[in-house]
Amino acid sequence: MNGSEINKPIYSKKEFKKKYNINQDDKIITNISNIKYFKGQDRSISILKKIKNLNCKLFIIGNNFSKLYYLILKIIIFIFNLRSIDKKIILMSTTRNEAMTILQYSDVFLFTSRLEYDPLVIKESILSSVKFVSYDVGTVKEYAKKGFGFCSNNQLQLANKLREFAEIRYNKKKNLRYAWKNILPEYLKLFKSM
């Protein structure tokens, strides 16, 4: 799902809400990554269960599916959606442009990977001006310290911060420090030094 830039949304926010049956009070939470066990989409669902009285839709968006894990997630999500009145989970594989559109319309980005170094999708959430809530993996803590989001390994803390960020509707200003034209030279330096 990772790409090299954040494009303008492919449809309006009104069209987005109509397409996915999103109510005015619904908060949008997004998790974007390959659908594999180590990416931790199951942990997204566990965190969502801990949040009380929050109308929301969680978009789990990915490609590069592990078929067994995908099937297990579908079953878990089906049962969760049957039992939940105020929260719904949408599991989908889509184009990069649509994934980035959904991210840009999100209230918060939820990152649940079990193993990472310097996740590009965290930078994409920053570029989209969407605060993130993440497990403490790789370099995520450095971005959290700069005020772009929150990280912890405690699910209750993650759930509480997710609720807080979803309710305050983060200020959607672009942060050019994390534009790809500025990030790419740093990556090239890192690879050349290896």
N, C-alpha and C. Protein backbone atom coordinates (compact mmCIF):
# COMPACT_ATOMS: atom_id res chain seq x y z
N MET A 1 0.82 -1.20 0.00
CA MET A 1 0.00 0.00 0.00
C MET A 1 0.86 1.26 0.00
N ASN A 2 2.10 1.18 0.43
CA ASN A 2 2.92 2.38 0.52
C ASN A 2 3.23 2.94 -0.85
N GLY A 3 3.28 4.25 -0.94
CA GLY A 3 3.54 4.91 -2.20
C GLY A 3 4.47 6.07 -1.99
N SER A 4 4.57 6.92 -2.99
CA SER A 4 5.57 7.97 -2.92
C SER A 4 4.98 9.35 -2.70
N GLU A 5 3.68 9.49 -2.68
CA GLU A 5 3.12 10.83 -2.46
C GLU A 5 1.67 10.73 -2.03
N ILE A 6 1.19 11.81 -1.49
CA ILE A 6 -0.22 11.91 -1.12
C ILE A 6 -0.90 12.75 -2.20
N ASN A 7 -1.87 12.17 -2.86
CA ASN A 7 -2.59 12.88 -3.92
C ASN A 7 -3.85 13.51 -3.36
N LYS A 8 -4.45 14.36 -4.18
CA LYS A 8 -5.74 14.94 -3.79
C LYS A 8 -6.77 13.82 -3.74
N PRO A 9 -7.78 13.94 -2.88
CA PRO A 9 -8.82 12.91 -2.80
C PRO A 9 -9.47 12.65 -4.16
N ILE A 10 -9.83 11.40 -4.40
CA ILE A 10 -10.42 11.04 -5.69
C ILE A 10 -11.93 11.31 -5.73
N TYR A 11 -12.52 11.58 -4.57
CA TYR A 11 -13.91 12.02 -4.51
C TYR A 11 -14.10 12.91 -3.30
N SER A 12 -15.21 13.63 -3.30
CA SER A 12 -15.46 14.59 -2.22
C SER A 12 -15.80 13.85 -0.92
N LYS A 13 -15.73 14.59 0.18
CA LYS A 13 -16.06 13.99 1.47
C LYS A 13 -17.52 13.55 1.50
N LYS A 14 -18.37 14.33 0.86
CA LYS A 14 -19.80 13.99 0.80
C LYS A 14 -19.99 12.67 0.04
N GLU A 15 -19.29 12.52 -1.09
CA GLU A 15 -19.37 11.27 -1.87
C GLU A 15 -18.81 10.09 -1.07
N PHE A 16 -17.73 10.34 -0.34
CA PHE A 16 -17.12 9.31 0.50
C PHE A 16 -18.11 8.83 1.55
N LYS A 17 -18.77 9.77 2.24
CA LYS A 17 -19.73 9.40 3.28
C LYS A 17 -20.91 8.62 2.71
N LYS A 18 -21.36 9.01 1.53
CA LYS A 18 -22.46 8.30 0.90
C LYS A 18 -22.04 6.89 0.48
N LYS A 19 -20.87 6.78 -0.12
CA LYS A 19 -20.37 5.48 -0.61
C LYS A 19 -20.26 4.45 0.51
N TYR A 20 -19.81 4.88 1.69
CA TYR A 20 -19.58 3.96 2.79
C TYR A 20 -20.62 4.07 3.91
N ASN A 21 -21.73 4.74 3.62
CA ASN A 21 -22.84 4.84 4.57
C ASN A 21 -22.38 5.36 5.92
N ILE A 22 -21.71 6.50 5.89
CA ILE A 22 -21.16 7.10 7.10
C ILE A 22 -22.11 8.19 7.59
N ASN A 23 -22.51 8.09 8.84
CA ASN A 23 -23.40 9.07 9.45
C ASN A 23 -22.62 10.30 9.89
N GLN A 24 -23.32 11.39 10.13
CA GLN A 24 -22.70 12.64 10.54
C GLN A 24 -21.85 12.48 11.80
N ASP A 25 -22.32 11.67 12.75
CA ASP A 25 -21.61 11.50 14.03
C ASP A 25 -20.51 10.45 13.99
N ASP A 26 -20.42 9.69 12.91
CA ASP A 26 -19.41 8.63 12.84
C ASP A 26 -18.01 9.21 12.75
N LYS A 27 -17.11 8.65 13.54
CA LYS A 27 -15.69 8.97 13.45
C LYS A 27 -15.06 7.95 12.52
N ILE A 28 -14.10 8.39 11.74
CA ILE A 28 -13.44 7.52 10.78
C ILE A 28 -12.05 7.16 11.30
N ILE A 29 -11.82 5.88 11.45
CA ILE A 29 -10.52 5.36 11.90
C ILE A 29 -9.99 4.49 10.76
N THR A 30 -8.72 4.65 10.43
CA THR A 30 -8.15 3.91 9.31
C THR A 30 -6.91 3.15 9.74
N ASN A 31 -6.79 1.93 9.23
CA ASN A 31 -5.60 1.10 9.41
C ASN A 31 -5.20 0.63 8.00
N ILE A 32 -4.03 1.03 7.54
CA ILE A 32 -3.58 0.68 6.19
C ILE A 32 -2.27 -0.09 6.30
N SER A 33 -2.25 -1.31 5.77
CA SER A 33 -1.03 -2.12 5.72
C SER A 33 -1.34 -3.42 4.99
N ASN A 34 -0.32 -4.19 4.70
CA ASN A 34 -0.53 -5.51 4.14
C ASN A 34 -1.32 -6.34 5.14
N ILE A 35 -2.18 -7.21 4.63
CA ILE A 35 -3.00 -8.04 5.52
C ILE A 35 -2.20 -9.30 5.86
N LYS A 36 -1.43 -9.17 6.92
CA LYS A 36 -0.60 -10.27 7.41
C LYS A 36 -0.58 -10.21 8.93
N TYR A 37 -0.35 -11.34 9.57
CA TYR A 37 -0.40 -11.40 11.02
C TYR A 37 0.52 -10.37 11.68
N PHE A 38 1.74 -10.24 11.20
CA PHE A 38 2.67 -9.33 11.88
C PHE A 38 2.28 -7.86 11.72
N LYS A 39 1.33 -7.56 10.82
CA LYS A 39 0.84 -6.18 10.69
C LYS A 39 -0.25 -5.86 11.73
N GLY A 40 -0.77 -6.88 12.41
CA GLY A 40 -1.58 -6.66 13.61
C GLY A 40 -2.99 -6.13 13.45
N GLN A 41 -3.64 -6.40 12.33
CA GLN A 41 -5.02 -5.90 12.19
C GLN A 41 -5.93 -6.45 13.28
N ASP A 42 -5.65 -7.65 13.77
CA ASP A 42 -6.44 -8.21 14.87
C ASP A 42 -6.34 -7.32 16.11
N ARG A 43 -5.20 -6.67 16.31
CA ARG A 43 -5.03 -5.77 17.46
C ARG A 43 -5.89 -4.52 17.29
N SER A 44 -6.16 -4.11 16.06
CA SER A 44 -7.07 -2.97 15.81
C SER A 44 -8.45 -3.28 16.38
N ILE A 45 -8.90 -4.49 16.13
CA ILE A 45 -10.23 -4.89 16.59
C ILE A 45 -10.27 -4.95 18.12
N SER A 46 -9.21 -5.46 18.73
CA SER A 46 -9.14 -5.52 20.21
C SER A 46 -9.20 -4.12 20.82
N ILE A 47 -8.49 -3.19 20.21
CA ILE A 47 -8.50 -1.80 20.71
C ILE A 47 -9.89 -1.21 20.55
N LEU A 48 -10.50 -1.43 19.40
CA LEU A 48 -11.84 -0.87 19.14
C LEU A 48 -12.86 -1.39 20.16
N LYS A 49 -12.73 -2.65 20.56
CA LYS A 49 -13.64 -3.23 21.54
C LYS A 49 -13.58 -2.52 22.88
N LYS A 50 -12.43 -1.96 23.22
CA LYS A 50 -12.23 -1.31 24.52
C LYS A 50 -12.85 0.09 24.59
N ILE A 51 -13.23 0.65 23.45
CA ILE A 51 -13.77 2.00 23.43
C ILE A 51 -15.29 1.94 23.61
N LYS A 52 -15.78 2.67 24.57
CA LYS A 52 -17.21 2.70 24.85
C LYS A 52 -17.85 3.96 24.25
N ASN A 53 -19.06 3.82 23.79
CA ASN A 53 -19.88 4.96 23.32
C ASN A 53 -19.18 5.85 22.30
N LEU A 54 -18.68 5.24 21.25
CA LEU A 54 -18.08 6.01 20.16
C LEU A 54 -18.63 5.46 18.85
N ASN A 55 -19.39 6.29 18.14
CA ASN A 55 -19.87 5.90 16.82
C ASN A 55 -18.71 6.02 15.85
N CYS A 56 -18.33 4.91 15.25
CA CYS A 56 -17.18 4.98 14.34
C CYS A 56 -17.21 3.88 13.30
N LYS A 57 -16.43 4.11 12.27
CA LYS A 57 -16.17 3.10 11.26
C LYS A 57 -14.66 2.93 11.20
N LEU A 58 -14.21 1.69 11.31
CA LEU A 58 -12.79 1.37 11.19
C LEU A 58 -12.58 0.75 9.81
N PHE A 59 -11.78 1.41 8.99
CA PHE A 59 -11.41 0.89 7.68
C PHE A 59 -10.08 0.15 7.83
N ILE A 60 -10.09 -1.16 7.61
CA ILE A 60 -8.86 -1.94 7.56
C ILE A 60 -8.59 -2.16 6.07
N ILE A 61 -7.58 -1.46 5.57
CA ILE A 61 -7.30 -1.44 4.15
C ILE A 61 -5.95 -2.09 3.90
N GLY A 62 -5.91 -3.01 2.97
CA GLY A 62 -4.63 -3.64 2.69
C GLY A 62 -4.62 -4.41 1.39
N ASN A 63 -3.45 -4.86 1.07
CA ASN A 63 -3.27 -5.76 -0.05
C ASN A 63 -2.22 -6.78 0.37
N ASN A 64 -1.72 -7.56 -0.56
CA ASN A 64 -0.72 -8.56 -0.24
C ASN A 64 -1.23 -9.44 0.91
N PHE A 65 -2.36 -10.09 0.67
CA PHE A 65 -3.07 -10.84 1.70
C PHE A 65 -2.40 -12.17 2.03
N SER A 66 -2.35 -12.47 3.31
CA SER A 66 -2.14 -13.84 3.77
C SER A 66 -3.54 -14.43 3.80
N LYS A 67 -3.82 -15.42 2.96
CA LYS A 67 -5.20 -15.91 2.79
C LYS A 67 -5.81 -16.42 4.09
N LEU A 68 -5.05 -17.17 4.87
CA LEU A 68 -5.60 -17.69 6.13
C LEU A 68 -5.89 -16.56 7.11
N TYR A 69 -4.96 -15.62 7.28
CA TYR A 69 -5.17 -14.50 8.19
C TYR A 69 -6.34 -13.64 7.72
N TYR A 70 -6.45 -13.42 6.41
CA TYR A 70 -7.56 -12.64 5.85
C TYR A 70 -8.89 -13.32 6.19
N LEU A 71 -8.96 -14.62 6.03
CA LEU A 71 -10.18 -15.36 6.34
C LEU A 71 -10.53 -15.26 7.82
N ILE A 72 -9.52 -15.41 8.68
CA ILE A 72 -9.75 -15.28 10.13
C ILE A 72 -10.26 -13.88 10.46
N LEU A 73 -9.63 -12.85 9.87
CA LEU A 73 -10.09 -11.47 10.10
C LEU A 73 -11.53 -11.28 9.66
N LYS A 74 -11.89 -11.82 8.49
CA LYS A 74 -13.27 -11.68 7.99
C LYS A 74 -14.26 -12.28 8.97
N ILE A 75 -13.94 -13.43 9.53
CA ILE A 75 -14.84 -14.08 10.50
C ILE A 75 -14.95 -13.23 11.77
N ILE A 76 -13.81 -12.78 12.29
CA ILE A 76 -13.80 -11.94 13.50
C ILE A 76 -14.61 -10.67 13.26
N ILE A 77 -14.41 -10.03 12.12
CA ILE A 77 -15.11 -8.79 11.79
C ILE A 77 -16.60 -9.02 11.62
N PHE A 78 -16.98 -10.12 10.98
CA PHE A 78 -18.40 -10.45 10.81
C PHE A 78 -19.08 -10.58 12.17
N ILE A 79 -18.46 -11.31 13.08
CA ILE A 79 -19.03 -11.48 14.43
C ILE A 79 -19.06 -10.14 15.16
N PHE A 80 -17.96 -9.37 15.08
CA PHE A 80 -17.90 -8.06 15.74
C PHE A 80 -19.02 -7.15 15.22
N ASN A 81 -19.20 -7.08 13.89
CA ASN A 81 -20.22 -6.20 13.31
C ASN A 81 -21.64 -6.63 13.70
N LEU A 82 -21.86 -7.92 13.88
CA LEU A 82 -23.18 -8.40 14.32
C LEU A 82 -23.48 -7.95 15.74
N ARG A 83 -22.45 -7.94 16.59
CA ARG A 83 -22.63 -7.63 18.01
C ARG A 83 -22.58 -6.14 18.32
N SER A 84 -21.96 -5.36 17.45
CA SER A 84 -21.75 -3.95 17.74
C SER A 84 -22.82 -3.09 17.07
N ILE A 85 -23.37 -2.17 17.84
CA ILE A 85 -24.38 -1.26 17.31
C ILE A 85 -23.72 0.02 16.80
N ASP A 86 -22.75 0.54 17.55
CA ASP A 86 -22.19 1.85 17.24
C ASP A 86 -20.88 1.81 16.46
N LYS A 87 -20.24 0.65 16.38
CA LYS A 87 -18.96 0.55 15.68
C LYS A 87 -19.07 -0.47 14.56
N LYS A 88 -18.51 -0.15 13.42
CA LYS A 88 -18.50 -1.08 12.29
C LYS A 88 -17.09 -1.12 11.72
N ILE A 89 -16.71 -2.29 11.21
CA ILE A 89 -15.40 -2.48 10.62
C ILE A 89 -15.58 -2.85 9.15
N ILE A 90 -14.81 -2.20 8.30
CA ILE A 90 -14.83 -2.47 6.87
C ILE A 90 -13.44 -2.98 6.48
N LEU A 91 -13.37 -4.21 6.01
CA LEU A 91 -12.12 -4.82 5.56
C LEU A 91 -12.11 -4.75 4.03
N MET A 92 -11.07 -4.15 3.46
CA MET A 92 -11.08 -3.98 2.02
C MET A 92 -9.69 -3.94 1.41
N SER A 93 -9.65 -4.33 0.16
CA SER A 93 -8.46 -4.14 -0.67
C SER A 93 -8.89 -3.16 -1.75
N THR A 94 -8.11 -2.13 -1.98
CA THR A 94 -8.51 -1.11 -2.94
C THR A 94 -7.29 -0.50 -3.58
N THR A 95 -7.51 0.48 -4.43
CA THR A 95 -6.40 1.16 -5.08
C THR A 95 -5.69 2.05 -4.07
N ARG A 96 -4.46 2.36 -4.36
CA ARG A 96 -3.70 3.26 -3.50
C ARG A 96 -4.38 4.62 -3.40
N ASN A 97 -4.88 5.14 -4.53
CA ASN A 97 -5.53 6.45 -4.50
C ASN A 97 -6.75 6.46 -3.60
N GLU A 98 -7.54 5.38 -3.63
CA GLU A 98 -8.70 5.34 -2.75
C GLU A 98 -8.28 5.20 -1.29
N ALA A 99 -7.26 4.38 -1.03
CA ALA A 99 -6.76 4.23 0.34
C ALA A 99 -6.30 5.58 0.89
N MET A 100 -5.59 6.36 0.08
CA MET A 100 -5.11 7.67 0.52
C MET A 100 -6.26 8.66 0.68
N THR A 101 -7.30 8.53 -0.15
CA THR A 101 -8.48 9.37 0.01
C THR A 101 -9.14 9.08 1.36
N ILE A 102 -9.32 7.81 1.67
CA ILE A 102 -9.93 7.43 2.95
C ILE A 102 -9.06 7.92 4.11
N LEU A 103 -7.74 7.78 3.99
CA LEU A 103 -6.85 8.28 5.04
C LEU A 103 -7.03 9.78 5.24
N GLN A 104 -7.11 10.53 4.16
CA GLN A 104 -7.24 11.99 4.27
C GLN A 104 -8.56 12.41 4.91
N TYR A 105 -9.61 11.58 4.76
CA TYR A 105 -10.89 11.88 5.38
C TYR A 105 -11.03 11.28 6.78
N SER A 106 -10.00 10.63 7.26
CA SER A 106 -10.04 9.98 8.57
C SER A 106 -9.87 10.98 9.70
N ASP A 107 -10.41 10.61 10.84
CA ASP A 107 -10.21 11.39 12.05
C ASP A 107 -8.94 10.97 12.77
N VAL A 108 -8.57 9.71 12.61
CA VAL A 108 -7.36 9.19 13.25
C VAL A 108 -6.89 7.95 12.49
N PHE A 109 -5.56 7.76 12.49
CA PHE A 109 -4.95 6.60 11.86
C PHE A 109 -4.47 5.65 12.95
N LEU A 110 -4.85 4.39 12.85
CA LEU A 110 -4.49 3.39 13.85
C LEU A 110 -3.46 2.44 13.25
N PHE A 111 -2.28 2.39 13.86
CA PHE A 111 -1.19 1.56 13.36
C PHE A 111 -0.88 0.48 14.39
N THR A 112 -1.06 -0.78 14.00
CA THR A 112 -1.00 -1.88 14.96
C THR A 112 0.05 -2.93 14.63
N SER A 113 1.01 -2.58 13.81
CA SER A 113 2.02 -3.54 13.39
C SER A 113 2.82 -4.07 14.57
N ARG A 114 3.19 -5.33 14.48
CA ARG A 114 3.99 -5.97 15.53
C ARG A 114 5.48 -5.76 15.31
N LEU A 115 5.88 -5.42 14.08
CA LEU A 115 7.29 -5.30 13.75
C LEU A 115 7.46 -4.28 12.62
N GLU A 116 8.27 -3.27 12.85
CA GLU A 116 8.53 -2.24 11.84
C GLU A 116 9.88 -1.61 12.13
N TYR A 117 10.39 -0.90 11.14
CA TYR A 117 11.57 -0.08 11.37
C TYR A 117 11.16 1.40 11.34
N ASP A 118 10.91 1.92 10.16
CA ASP A 118 10.48 3.32 10.00
C ASP A 118 9.29 3.31 9.04
N PRO A 119 8.09 3.09 9.56
CA PRO A 119 6.93 2.85 8.71
C PRO A 119 6.54 4.05 7.84
N LEU A 120 6.49 3.82 6.54
CA LEU A 120 6.11 4.87 5.60
C LEU A 120 4.69 5.36 5.84
N VAL A 121 3.81 4.46 6.23
CA VAL A 121 2.40 4.83 6.40
C VAL A 121 2.22 5.84 7.54
N ILE A 122 3.12 5.86 8.51
CA ILE A 122 3.08 6.90 9.55
C ILE A 122 3.37 8.25 8.91
N LYS A 123 4.34 8.29 8.02
CA LYS A 123 4.64 9.54 7.31
C LYS A 123 3.45 9.96 6.43
N GLU A 124 2.79 8.98 5.83
CA GLU A 124 1.61 9.30 5.03
C GLU A 124 0.49 9.88 5.88
N SER A 125 0.33 9.38 7.10
CA SER A 125 -0.70 9.96 7.97
C SER A 125 -0.32 11.39 8.36
N ILE A 126 0.99 11.62 8.59
CA ILE A 126 1.45 12.97 8.92
C ILE A 126 1.23 13.89 7.73
N LEU A 127 1.58 13.43 6.53
CA LEU A 127 1.36 14.23 5.32
C LEU A 127 -0.12 14.55 5.10
N SER A 128 -0.97 13.63 5.53
CA SER A 128 -2.42 13.82 5.40
C SER A 128 -3.01 14.61 6.55
N SER A 129 -2.15 15.03 7.49
CA SER A 129 -2.58 15.77 8.68
C SER A 129 -3.59 14.98 9.51
N VAL A 130 -3.36 13.69 9.63
CA VAL A 130 -4.20 12.81 10.43
C VAL A 130 -3.35 12.28 11.58
N LYS A 131 -3.75 12.57 12.80
CA LYS A 131 -3.00 12.08 13.96
C LYS A 131 -3.04 10.56 13.97
N PHE A 132 -1.96 9.95 14.46
CA PHE A 132 -1.91 8.49 14.54
C PHE A 132 -1.89 8.03 15.98
N VAL A 133 -2.36 6.81 16.18
CA VAL A 133 -2.26 6.07 17.43
C VAL A 133 -1.59 4.76 17.05
N SER A 134 -0.49 4.43 17.74
CA SER A 134 0.31 3.29 17.31
C SER A 134 0.92 2.55 18.49
N TYR A 135 1.17 1.28 18.26
CA TYR A 135 2.04 0.55 19.17
C TYR A 135 3.43 1.14 19.03
N ASP A 136 4.23 0.99 20.07
CA ASP A 136 5.59 1.52 20.09
C ASP A 136 6.51 0.57 19.31
N VAL A 137 6.59 0.79 18.00
CA VAL A 137 7.44 -0.02 17.12
C VAL A 137 8.33 0.90 16.30
N GLY A 138 9.53 0.43 16.01
CA GLY A 138 10.44 1.18 15.15
C GLY A 138 10.62 2.61 15.60
N THR A 139 10.53 3.52 14.65
CA THR A 139 10.77 4.94 14.91
C THR A 139 9.50 5.72 15.25
N VAL A 140 8.40 5.04 15.46
CA VAL A 140 7.12 5.71 15.68
C VAL A 140 7.18 6.66 16.87
N LYS A 141 7.88 6.28 17.92
CA LYS A 141 7.96 7.12 19.12
C LYS A 141 8.53 8.50 18.81
N GLU A 142 9.49 8.55 17.87
CA GLU A 142 10.09 9.84 17.50
C GLU A 142 9.05 10.78 16.89
N TYR A 143 8.17 10.24 16.07
CA TYR A 143 7.11 11.06 15.48
C TYR A 143 6.08 11.46 16.53
N ALA A 144 5.80 10.56 17.48
CA ALA A 144 4.86 10.87 18.56
C ALA A 144 5.40 12.00 19.43
N LYS A 145 6.71 11.96 19.70
CA LYS A 145 7.33 13.02 20.52
C LYS A 145 7.21 14.38 19.85
N LYS A 146 7.12 14.41 18.54
CA LYS A 146 7.00 15.67 17.79
C LYS A 146 5.54 16.13 17.70
N GLY A 147 4.63 15.38 18.32
CA GLY A 147 3.24 15.81 18.38
C GLY A 147 2.35 15.32 17.26
N PHE A 148 2.85 14.40 16.43
CA PHE A 148 2.05 13.91 15.31
C PHE A 148 1.12 12.78 15.68
N GLY A 149 1.27 12.25 16.88
CA GLY A 149 0.43 11.14 17.29
C GLY A 149 0.82 10.64 18.66
N PHE A 150 0.47 9.40 18.94
CA PHE A 150 0.67 8.80 20.25
C PHE A 150 1.09 7.35 20.06
N CYS A 151 2.01 6.88 20.91
CA CYS A 151 2.34 5.45 20.86
C CYS A 151 2.49 4.91 22.28
N SER A 152 2.15 3.63 22.40
CA SER A 152 2.21 2.91 23.67
C SER A 152 2.09 1.43 23.35
N ASN A 153 2.40 0.58 24.30
CA ASN A 153 2.15 -0.85 24.13
C ASN A 153 1.00 -1.31 25.02
N ASN A 154 0.30 -0.35 25.63
CA ASN A 154 -0.84 -0.63 26.49
C ASN A 154 -2.12 -0.39 25.69
N GLN A 155 -2.91 -1.45 25.49
CA GLN A 155 -4.12 -1.32 24.67
C GLN A 155 -5.13 -0.34 25.23
N LEU A 156 -5.28 -0.27 26.53
CA LEU A 156 -6.24 0.66 27.12
C LEU A 156 -5.80 2.11 26.86
N GLN A 157 -4.50 2.39 27.01
CA GLN A 157 -4.00 3.73 26.69
C GLN A 157 -4.21 4.06 25.21
N LEU A 158 -3.97 3.08 24.34
CA LEU A 158 -4.18 3.29 22.90
C LEU A 158 -5.66 3.57 22.62
N ALA A 159 -6.54 2.82 23.26
CA ALA A 159 -7.99 3.00 23.06
C ALA A 159 -8.42 4.40 23.53
N ASN A 160 -7.93 4.82 24.69
CA ASN A 160 -8.31 6.14 25.21
C ASN A 160 -7.81 7.27 24.31
N LYS A 161 -6.59 7.14 23.81
CA LYS A 161 -6.03 8.18 22.94
C LYS A 161 -6.74 8.17 21.58
N LEU A 162 -7.08 6.98 21.11
CA LEU A 162 -7.82 6.87 19.85
C LEU A 162 -9.15 7.61 19.95
N ARG A 163 -9.84 7.40 21.05
CA ARG A 163 -11.11 8.09 21.28
C ARG A 163 -10.91 9.60 21.33
N GLU A 164 -9.89 10.03 22.08
CA GLU A 164 -9.60 11.47 22.20
C GLU A 164 -9.33 12.09 20.83
N PHE A 165 -8.43 11.48 20.06
CA PHE A 165 -8.09 12.02 18.74
C PHE A 165 -9.30 12.00 17.80
N ALA A 166 -10.10 10.95 17.86
CA ALA A 166 -11.27 10.84 16.99
C ALA A 166 -12.28 11.93 17.30
N GLU A 167 -12.35 12.33 18.56
CA GLU A 167 -13.35 13.31 18.95
C GLU A 167 -12.93 14.75 18.70
N ILE A 168 -11.64 15.02 18.61
CA ILE A 168 -11.22 16.43 18.47
C ILE A 168 -11.01 16.87 17.03
N ARG A 169 -11.13 15.95 16.08
CA ARG A 169 -10.97 16.32 14.66
C ARG A 169 -9.72 17.15 14.43
N TYR A 170 -8.64 16.47 14.22
CA TYR A 170 -7.31 17.07 14.07
C TYR A 170 -7.29 18.16 13.00
N ASN A 171 -6.55 19.21 13.27
CA ASN A 171 -6.38 20.33 12.34
C ASN A 171 -5.68 19.85 11.07
N LYS A 172 -6.33 20.00 9.92
CA LYS A 172 -5.84 19.40 8.67
C LYS A 172 -4.88 20.30 7.89
N LYS A 173 -3.78 20.68 8.50
CA LYS A 173 -2.78 21.48 7.80
C LYS A 173 -1.68 20.56 7.30
N LYS A 174 -1.19 20.82 6.10
CA LYS A 174 -0.10 20.03 5.53
C LYS A 174 1.21 20.33 6.25
N ASN A 175 1.99 19.31 6.48
CA ASN A 175 3.29 19.48 7.11
C ASN A 175 4.36 19.16 6.06
N LEU A 176 4.91 20.19 5.44
CA LEU A 176 5.84 20.00 4.33
C LEU A 176 7.18 19.43 4.76
N ARG A 177 7.49 19.49 6.05
CA ARG A 177 8.75 18.89 6.50
C ARG A 177 8.78 17.40 6.15
N TYR A 178 7.62 16.78 6.11
CA TYR A 178 7.54 15.36 5.80
C TYR A 178 7.07 15.11 4.37
N ALA A 179 7.22 16.07 3.49
CA ALA A 179 6.92 15.86 2.07
C ALA A 179 7.96 14.91 1.50
N TRP A 180 7.57 14.14 0.50
CA TRP A 180 8.46 13.13 -0.06
C TRP A 180 9.74 13.73 -0.63
N LYS A 181 9.67 14.93 -1.15
CA LYS A 181 10.89 15.54 -1.70
C LYS A 181 11.93 15.76 -0.60
N ASN A 182 11.48 15.86 0.66
CA ASN A 182 12.39 16.02 1.78
C ASN A 182 12.77 14.68 2.43
N ILE A 183 11.89 13.70 2.33
CA ILE A 183 12.13 12.41 2.96
C ILE A 183 13.06 11.54 2.12
N LEU A 184 12.86 11.53 0.80
CA LEU A 184 13.61 10.64 -0.08
C LEU A 184 15.13 10.79 0.04
N PRO A 185 15.69 11.99 0.07
CA PRO A 185 17.15 12.09 0.23
C PRO A 185 17.66 11.45 1.52
N GLU A 186 16.87 11.50 2.59
CA GLU A 186 17.28 10.87 3.85
C GLU A 186 17.33 9.34 3.70
N TYR A 187 16.34 8.79 3.00
CA TYR A 187 16.35 7.35 2.76
C TYR A 187 17.53 6.94 1.89
N LEU A 188 17.83 7.74 0.87
CA LEU A 188 18.96 7.43 0.00
C LEU A 188 20.27 7.44 0.77
N LYS A 189 20.44 8.41 1.66
CA LYS A 189 21.62 8.46 2.51
C LYS A 189 21.75 7.21 3.37
N LEU A 190 20.63 6.80 3.93
CA LEU A 190 20.61 5.61 4.80
C LEU A 190 21.03 4.37 4.00
N PHE A 191 20.45 4.17 2.82
CA PHE A 191 20.77 2.99 2.01
C PHE A 191 22.22 3.03 1.53
N LYS A 192 22.74 4.18 1.18
CA LYS A 192 24.12 4.28 0.71
C LYS A 192 25.10 3.98 1.84
N SER A 193 24.70 4.26 3.07
CA SER A 193 25.59 4.04 4.22
C SER A 193 25.68 2.57 4.63
N MET A 194 24.80 1.74 4.08
CA MET A 194 24.78 0.31 4.47
C MET A 194 25.80 -0.49 3.70
